[in-house]
PDB file of N, CA and C in Angstrom:
ATOM      1  N   MET A   1      50.725  45.144  59.863  1.00  0.00           N
ATOM      2  CA  MET A   1      51.230  44.916  61.697  1.00  0.00           C
ATOM      3  C   MET A   1      50.113  44.358  61.741  1.00  0.00           C
ATOM      4  N   LYS A   2      50.676  43.147  62.779  1.00  0.00           N
ATOM      5  CA  LYS A   2      49.255  42.322  63.329  1.00  0.00           C
ATOM      6  C   LYS A   2      49.784  43.025  64.938  1.00  0.00           C
ATOM      7  N   CYS A   3      48.483  43.075  65.223  1.00  0.00           N
ATOM      8  CA  CYS A   3      48.314  43.331  66.705  1.00  0.00           C
ATOM      9  C   CYS A   3      49.392  42.642  67.695  1.00  0.00           C
ATOM     10  N   ASN A   4      49.814  42.683  68.762  1.00  0.00           N
ATOM     11  CA  ASN A   4      50.813  42.003  69.303  1.00  0.00           C
ATOM     12  C   ASN A   4      50.559  42.411  70.913  1.00  0.00           C
ATOM     13  N   ILE A   5      50.204  43.671  71.309  1.00  0.00           N
ATOM     14  CA  ILE A   5      50.090  43.598  72.922  1.00  0.00           C
ATOM     15  C   ILE A   5      48.597  43.629  72.747  1.00  0.00           C
ATOM     16  N   ASP A   6      47.735  43.472  74.118  1.00  0.00           N
ATOM     17  CA  ASP A   6      46.411  43.665  74.926  1.00  0.00           C
ATOM     18  C   ASP A   6      46.559  45.160  75.316  1.00  0.00           C
ATOM     19  N   SER A   7      45.341  45.502  75.609  1.00  0.00           N
ATOM     20  CA  SER A   7      44.458  46.209  76.169  1.00  0.00           C
ATOM     21  C   SER A   7      45.577  46.880  77.015  1.00  0.00           C
ATOM     22  N   ARG A   8      46.075  46.556  77.840  1.00  0.00           N
ATOM     23  CA  ARG A   8      46.494  46.855  79.150  1.00  0.00           C
ATOM     24  C   ARG A   8      48.050  47.354  78.278  1.00  0.00           C
ATOM     25  N   GLY A   9      48.704  46.614  77.866  1.00  0.00           N
ATOM     26  CA  GLY A   9      49.714  47.018  77.097  1.00  0.00           C
ATOM     27  C   GLY A   9      49.661  48.296  76.117  1.00  0.00           C
ATOM     28  N   LYS A  10      49.012  48.227  75.671  1.00  0.00           N
ATOM     29  CA  LYS A  10      48.009  49.809  74.596  1.00  0.00           C
ATOM     30  C   LYS A  10      48.188  51.186  75.425  1.00  0.00           C
ATOM     31  N   SER A  11      47.065  51.045  76.847  1.00  0.00           N
ATOM     32  CA  SER A  11      47.140  51.999  77.384  1.00  0.00           C
ATOM     33  C   SER A  11      48.582  52.593  78.160  1.00  0.00           C
ATOM     34  N   VAL A  12      49.222  51.437  78.364  1.00  0.00           N
ATOM     35  CA  VAL A  12      50.962  51.728  79.167  1.00  0.00           C
ATOM     36  C   VAL A  12      51.243  52.890  77.765  1.00  0.00           C
ATOM     37  N   ARG A  13      51.642  51.690  76.705  1.00  0.00           N
ATOM     38  CA  ARG A  13      52.387  52.571  75.701  1.00  0.00           C
ATOM     39  C   ARG A  13      51.946  54.419  75.225  1.00  0.00           C
ATOM     40  N   LEU A  14      50.395  54.489  75.636  1.00  0.00           N
ATOM     41  CA  LEU A  14      50.057  55.883  75.120  1.00  0.00           C
ATOM     42  C   LEU A  14      49.911  56.601  75.834  1.00  0.00           C
ATOM     43  N   LEU A  15      50.071  56.249  77.120  1.00  0.00           N
ATOM     44  CA  LEU A  15      50.411  56.999  78.406  1.00  0.00           C
ATOM     45  C   LEU A  15      51.953  57.482  78.927  1.00  0.00           C
ATOM     46  N   ALA A  16      52.629  56.125  78.514  1.00  0.00           N
ATOM     47  CA  ALA A  16      53.750  56.829  78.342  1.00  0.00           C
ATOM     48  C   ALA A  16      54.478  57.840  77.169  1.00  0.00           C
ATOM     49  N   GLY A  17      53.615  57.389  76.266  1.00  0.00           N
ATOM     50  CA  GLY A  17      54.092  58.194  74.747  1.00  0.00           C
ATOM     51  C   GLY A  17      53.924  59.608  75.033  1.00  0.00           C
ATOM     52  N   ILE A  18      52.393  60.271  75.757  1.00  0.00           N
ATOM     53  CA  ILE A  18      52.134  61.403  75.612  1.00  0.00           C
ATOM     54  C   ILE A  18      52.743  61.680  76.404  1.00  0.00           C
ATOM     55  N   VAL A  19      53.330  61.139  78.481  1.00  0.00           N
ATOM     56  CA  VAL A  19      54.365  61.672  78.560  1.00  0.00           C
ATOM     57  C   VAL A  19      55.601  62.333  78.428  1.00  0.00           C
ATOM     58  N   THR A  20      56.109  61.087  77.252  1.00  0.00           N
ATOM     59  CA  THR A  20      56.931  61.588  77.045  1.00  0.00           C
ATOM     60  C   THR A  20      57.303  62.840  75.767  1.00  0.00           C
ATOM     61  N   VAL A  21      55.884  63.262  75.015  1.00  0.00           N
ATOM     62  CA  VAL A  21      55.997  64.400  74.384  1.00  0.00           C
ATOM     63  C   VAL A  21      55.945  65.536  75.262  1.00  0.00           C
ATOM     64  N   LEU A  22      55.264  65.894  76.494  1.00  0.00           N
ATOM     65  CA  LEU A  22      54.745  66.608  77.253  1.00  0.00           C
ATOM     66  C   LEU A  22      56.801  66.630  77.818  1.00  0.00           C
ATOM     67  N   ILE A  23      57.247  66.171  77.947  1.00  0.00           N
ATOM     68  CA  ILE A  23      58.593  66.178  78.629  1.00  0.00           C
ATOM     69  C   ILE A  23      59.776  66.874  77.345  1.00  0.00           C
ATOM     70  N   GLY A  24      59.537  66.015  76.338  1.00  0.00           N
ATOM     71  CA  GLY A  24      60.148  66.679  75.056  1.00  0.00           C
ATOM     72  C   GLY A  24      59.539  68.795  74.796  1.00  0.00           C
ATOM     73  N   ILE A  25      58.526  69.077  74.871  1.00  0.00           N
ATOM     74  CA  ILE A  25      58.331  70.078  74.540  1.00  0.00           C
ATOM     75  C   ILE A  25      58.570  71.235  75.869  1.00  0.00           C
ATOM     76  N   LEU A  26      58.294  70.759  77.556  1.00  0.00           N
ATOM     77  CA  LEU A  26      58.846  71.374  78.111  1.00  0.00           C
ATOM     78  C   LEU A  26      60.398  71.320  78.203  1.00  0.00           C
ATOM     79  N   ALA A  27      61.523  70.302  77.554  1.00  0.00           N
ATOM     80  CA  ALA A  27      62.089  70.784  76.795  1.00  0.00           C
ATOM     81  C   ALA A  27      63.088  71.647  76.277  1.00  0.00           C
ATOM     82  N   LEU A  28      62.019  72.025  75.503  1.00  0.00           N
ATOM     83  CA  LEU A  28      62.216  72.817  74.425  1.00  0.00           C
ATOM     84  C   LEU A  28      62.152  74.106  74.866  1.00  0.00           C
ATOM     85  N   VAL A  29      61.273  74.053  75.384  1.00  0.00           N
ATOM     86  CA  VAL A  29      60.478  75.235  76.022  1.00  0.00           C
ATOM     87  C   VAL A  29      61.721  76.268  76.991  1.00  0.00           C
ATOM     88  N   PHE A  30      62.012  75.194  77.983  1.00  0.00           N
ATOM     89  CA  PHE A  30      62.697  75.560  79.083  1.00  0.00           C
ATOM     90  C   PHE A  30      64.107  75.622  78.923  1.00  0.00           C
ATOM     91  N   LEU A  31      64.819  75.044  78.152  1.00  0.00           N
ATOM     92  CA  LEU A  31      66.148  74.665  77.542  1.00  0.00           C
ATOM     93  C   LEU A  31      66.658  75.565  76.374  1.00  0.00           C
ATOM     94  N   ASP A  32      65.504  76.553  75.996  1.00  0.00           N
ATOM     95  CA  ASP A  32      65.552  77.560  75.375  1.00  0.00           C
ATOM     96  C   ASP A  32      65.976  76.849  73.490  1.00  0.00           C
ATOM     97  N   PHE A  33      65.783  76.492  73.356  1.00  0.00           N
ATOM     98  CA  PHE A  33      66.279  75.585  72.100  1.00  0.00           C
ATOM     99  C   PHE A  33      67.837  75.475  72.008  1.00  0.00           C
ATOM    100  N   GLU A  34      68.709  75.564  72.625  1.00  0.00           N
ATOM    101  CA  GLU A  34      70.037  75.489  73.035  1.00  0.00           C
ATOM    102  C   GLU A  34      70.113  74.184  72.125  1.00  0.00           C
ATOM    103  N   PRO A  35      71.538  73.842  71.566  1.00  0.00           N
ATOM    104  CA  PRO A  35      72.144  72.489  71.156  1.00  0.00           C
ATOM    105  C   PRO A  35      71.568  71.026  71.403  1.00  0.00           C
ATOM    106  N   VAL A  36      72.013  70.997  72.985  1.00  0.00           N
ATOM    107  CA  VAL A  36      71.581  69.891  73.340  1.00  0.00           C
ATOM    108  C   VAL A  36      70.522  70.152  74.314  1.00  0.00           C
ATOM    109  N   GLY A  37      69.753  71.055  74.756  1.00  0.00           N
ATOM    110  CA  GLY A  37      68.522  71.115  74.468  1.00  0.00           C
ATOM    111  C   GLY A  37      67.741  70.995  73.213  1.00  0.00           C
ATOM    112  N   ALA A  38      67.863  71.107  72.575  1.00  0.00           N
ATOM    113  CA  ALA A  38      66.970  70.996  71.174  1.00  0.00           C
ATOM    114  C   ALA A  38      67.573  69.117  71.088  1.00  0.00           C
ATOM    115  N   ILE A  39      68.650  68.530  71.038  1.00  0.00           N
ATOM    116  CA  ILE A  39      68.558  67.019  70.446  1.00  0.00           C
ATOM    117  C   ILE A  39      67.911  66.601  71.481  1.00  0.00           C
ATOM    118  N   VAL A  40      67.667  66.861  73.097  1.00  0.00           N
ATOM    119  CA  VAL A  40      67.043  65.909  73.982  1.00  0.00           C
ATOM    120  C   VAL A  40      65.303  66.503  73.710  1.00  0.00           C
ATOM    121  N   GLY A  41      64.872  67.506  73.252  1.00  0.00           N
ATOM    122  CA  GLY A  41      64.064  67.995  72.763  1.00  0.00           C
ATOM    123  C   GLY A  41      63.217  67.117  71.748  1.00  0.00           C
ATOM    124  N   PHE A  42      63.685  67.003  70.575  1.00  0.00           N
ATOM    125  CA  PHE A  42      63.331  66.799  69.855  1.00  0.00           C
ATOM    126  C   PHE A  42      63.244  64.995  69.701  1.00  0.00           C
ATOM    127  N   SER A  43      64.378  64.809  70.677  1.00  0.00           N
ATOM    128  CA  SER A  43      64.729  62.937  70.732  1.00  0.00           C
ATOM    129  C   SER A  43      63.264  62.591  71.533  1.00  0.00           C
ATOM    130  N   CYS A  44      62.870  63.397  72.729  1.00  0.00           N
ATOM    131  CA  CYS A  44      61.803  62.966  73.161  1.00  0.00           C
ATOM    132  C   CYS A  44      60.745  63.283  72.515  1.00  0.00           C
ATOM    133  N   PHE A  45      60.017  63.876  72.035  1.00  0.00           N
ATOM    134  CA  PHE A  45      59.157  64.656  70.673  1.00  0.00           C
ATOM    135  C   PHE A  45      59.174  63.252  70.234  1.00  0.00           C
ATOM    136  N   ALA A  46      60.213  62.833  68.934  1.00  0.00           N
ATOM    137  CA  ALA A  46      60.157  61.545  67.980  1.00  0.00           C
ATOM    138  C   ALA A  46      59.435  60.083  69.360  1.00  0.00           C
ATOM    139  N   GLY A  47      60.266  59.758  70.224  1.00  0.00           N
ATOM    140  CA  GLY A  47      60.060  58.153  70.684  1.00  0.00           C
ATOM    141  C   GLY A  47      58.537  58.552  71.802  1.00  0.00           C
ATOM    142  N   GLY A  48      58.368  59.775  71.696  1.00  0.00           N
ATOM    143  CA  GLY A  48      56.803  59.855  72.340  1.00  0.00           C
ATOM    144  C   GLY A  48      56.089  59.431  71.676  1.00  0.00           C
ATOM    145  N   GLY A  49      56.076  60.201  70.003  1.00  0.00           N
ATOM    146  CA  GLY A  49      54.954  60.153  69.211  1.00  0.00           C
ATOM    147  C   GLY A  49      55.348  58.674  68.417  1.00  0.00           C
ATOM    148  N   PHE A  50      55.909  58.077  68.683  1.00  0.00           N
ATOM    149  CA  PHE A  50      56.043  56.607  68.224  1.00  0.00           C
ATOM    150  C   PHE A  50      55.656  55.621  69.204  1.00  0.00           C
ATOM    151  N   MET A  51      55.855  55.944  70.410  1.00  0.00           N
ATOM    152  CA  MET A  51      54.762  55.425  71.752  1.00  0.00           C
ATOM    153  C   MET A  51      53.719  55.730  71.527  1.00  0.00           C
ATOM    154  N   ILE A  52      53.046  56.511  71.054  1.00  0.00           N
ATOM    155  CA  ILE A  52      51.283  56.681  70.906  1.00  0.00           C
ATOM    156  C   ILE A  52      50.925  56.562  69.772  1.00  0.00           C
ATOM    157  N   PHE A  53      51.650  56.273  68.718  1.00  0.00           N
ATOM    158  CA  PHE A  53      51.373  55.273  67.768  1.00  0.00           C
ATOM    159  C   PHE A  53      51.425  53.976  67.852  1.00  0.00           C
ATOM    160  N   GLU A  54      52.233  53.184  68.752  1.00  0.00           N
ATOM    161  CA  GLU A  54      52.413  51.854  69.178  1.00  0.00           C
ATOM    162  C   GLU A  54      51.121  51.773  70.365  1.00  0.00           C
ATOM    163  N   GLY A  55      50.810  52.364  71.013  1.00  0.00           N
ATOM    164  CA  GLY A  55      49.711  52.139  71.835  1.00  0.00           C
ATOM    165  C   GLY A  55      48.546  51.905  70.894  1.00  0.00           C
ATOM    166  N   TRP A  56      48.384  53.330  70.170  1.00  0.00           N
ATOM    167  CA  TRP A  56      47.542  52.959  68.816  1.00  0.00           C
ATOM    168  C   TRP A  56      47.204  52.463  67.896  1.00  0.00           C
ATOM    169  N   ALA A  57      48.347  51.440  67.711  1.00  0.00           N
ATOM    170  CA  ALA A  57      48.090  50.907  66.379  1.00  0.00           C
ATOM    171  C   ALA A  57      47.975  49.000  67.496  1.00  0.00           C
ATOM    172  N   GLY A  58      48.599  49.446  68.719  1.00  0.00           N
ATOM    173  CA  GLY A  58      48.311  48.148  69.274  1.00  0.00           C
ATOM    174  C   GLY A  58      49.960  47.030  68.759  1.00  0.00           C
ATOM    175  N   TRP A  59      50.677  47.565  68.675  1.00  0.00           N
ATOM    176  CA  TRP A  59      51.579  46.956  67.766  1.00  0.00           C
ATOM    177  C   TRP A  59      53.049  47.922  68.870  1.00  0.00           C
ATOM    178  N   CYS A  60      54.110  46.548  69.187  1.00  0.00           N
ATOM    179  CA  CYS A  60      55.051  47.034  69.958  1.00  0.00           C
ATOM    180  C   CYS A  60      56.420  46.455  69.233  1.00  0.00           C
ATOM    181  N   ALA A  61      57.102  47.920  68.721  1.00  0.00           N
ATOM    182  CA  ALA A  61      58.784  46.845  67.691  1.00  0.00           C
ATOM    183  C   ALA A  61      59.009  46.197  68.902  1.00  0.00           C
ATOM    184  N   VAL A  62      59.429  46.206  70.138  1.00  0.00           N
ATOM    185  CA  VAL A  62      59.766  45.378  70.472  1.00  0.00           C
ATOM    186  C   VAL A  62      59.863  44.107  70.822  1.00  0.00           C
ATOM    187  N   ARG A  63      58.294  43.260  70.833  1.00  0.00           N
ATOM    188  CA  ARG A  63      57.907  42.343  71.000  1.00  0.00           C
ATOM    189  C   ARG A  63      58.002  42.082  69.739  1.00  0.00           C
ATOM    190  N   ALA A  64      57.053  42.763  68.480  1.00  0.00           N
ATOM    191  CA  ALA A  64      58.039  42.070  67.124  1.00  0.00           C
ATOM    192  C   ALA A  64      59.187  42.049  66.696  1.00  0.00           C
ATOM    193  N   LEU A  65      60.519  42.218  67.652  1.00  0.00           N
ATOM    194  CA  LEU A  65      61.954  41.987  67.586  1.00  0.00           C
ATOM    195  C   LEU A  65      62.091  40.077  68.213  1.00  0.00           C
ATOM    196  N   GLY A  66      60.949  39.614  68.596  1.00  0.00           N
ATOM    197  CA  GLY A  66      61.091  38.477  69.285  1.00  0.00           C
ATOM    198  C   GLY A  66      61.540  38.360  71.013  1.00  0.00           C
ATOM    199  N   PHE A  67      61.661  39.928  70.901  1.00  0.00           N
ATOM    200  CA  PHE A  67      61.588  40.054  73.034  1.00  0.00           C
ATOM    201  C   PHE A  67      60.366  39.953  73.677  1.00  0.00           C
ATOM    202  N   LYS A  68      60.699  39.039  74.561  1.00  0.00           N
ATOM    203  CA  LYS A  68      59.241  39.251  75.584  1.00  0.00           C
ATOM    204  C   LYS A  68      59.008  40.583  76.372  1.00  0.00           C
ATOM    205  N   THR A  69      57.806  41.223  76.888  1.00  0.00           N
ATOM    206  CA  THR A  69      57.522  42.263  78.150  1.00  0.00           C
ATOM    207  C   THR A  69      57.147  42.104  78.575  1.00  0.00           C
ATOM    208  N   ARG A  70      56.838  43.005  79.643  1.00  0.00           N
ATOM    209  CA  ARG A  70      55.918  42.138  80.790  1.00  0.00           C
ATOM    210  C   ARG A  70      55.102  43.051  81.011  1.00  0.00           C
ATOM    211  N   VAL A  71      54.187  43.956  80.275  1.00  0.00           N
ATOM    212  CA  VAL A  71      53.575  44.579  79.859  1.00  0.00           C
ATOM    213  C   VAL A  71      52.843  44.576  77.981  1.00  0.00           C
TER     214      VAL A  71
END
């Protein structure tokens, strides 16, 4: 994987990933692991984890597909 984002993009993705993981944890806690809450919580947790990986690695999946992003 070749680095395809700059330092600004890395920091935005890392911060967004951390916030999304926290939202996923809060959804799991406050929705008491009910089916809808579990789906939302685990989805946010997985997506946030992937965003953290993108920020850490300096690689963006959307840019790798050929789309241009602002950040």
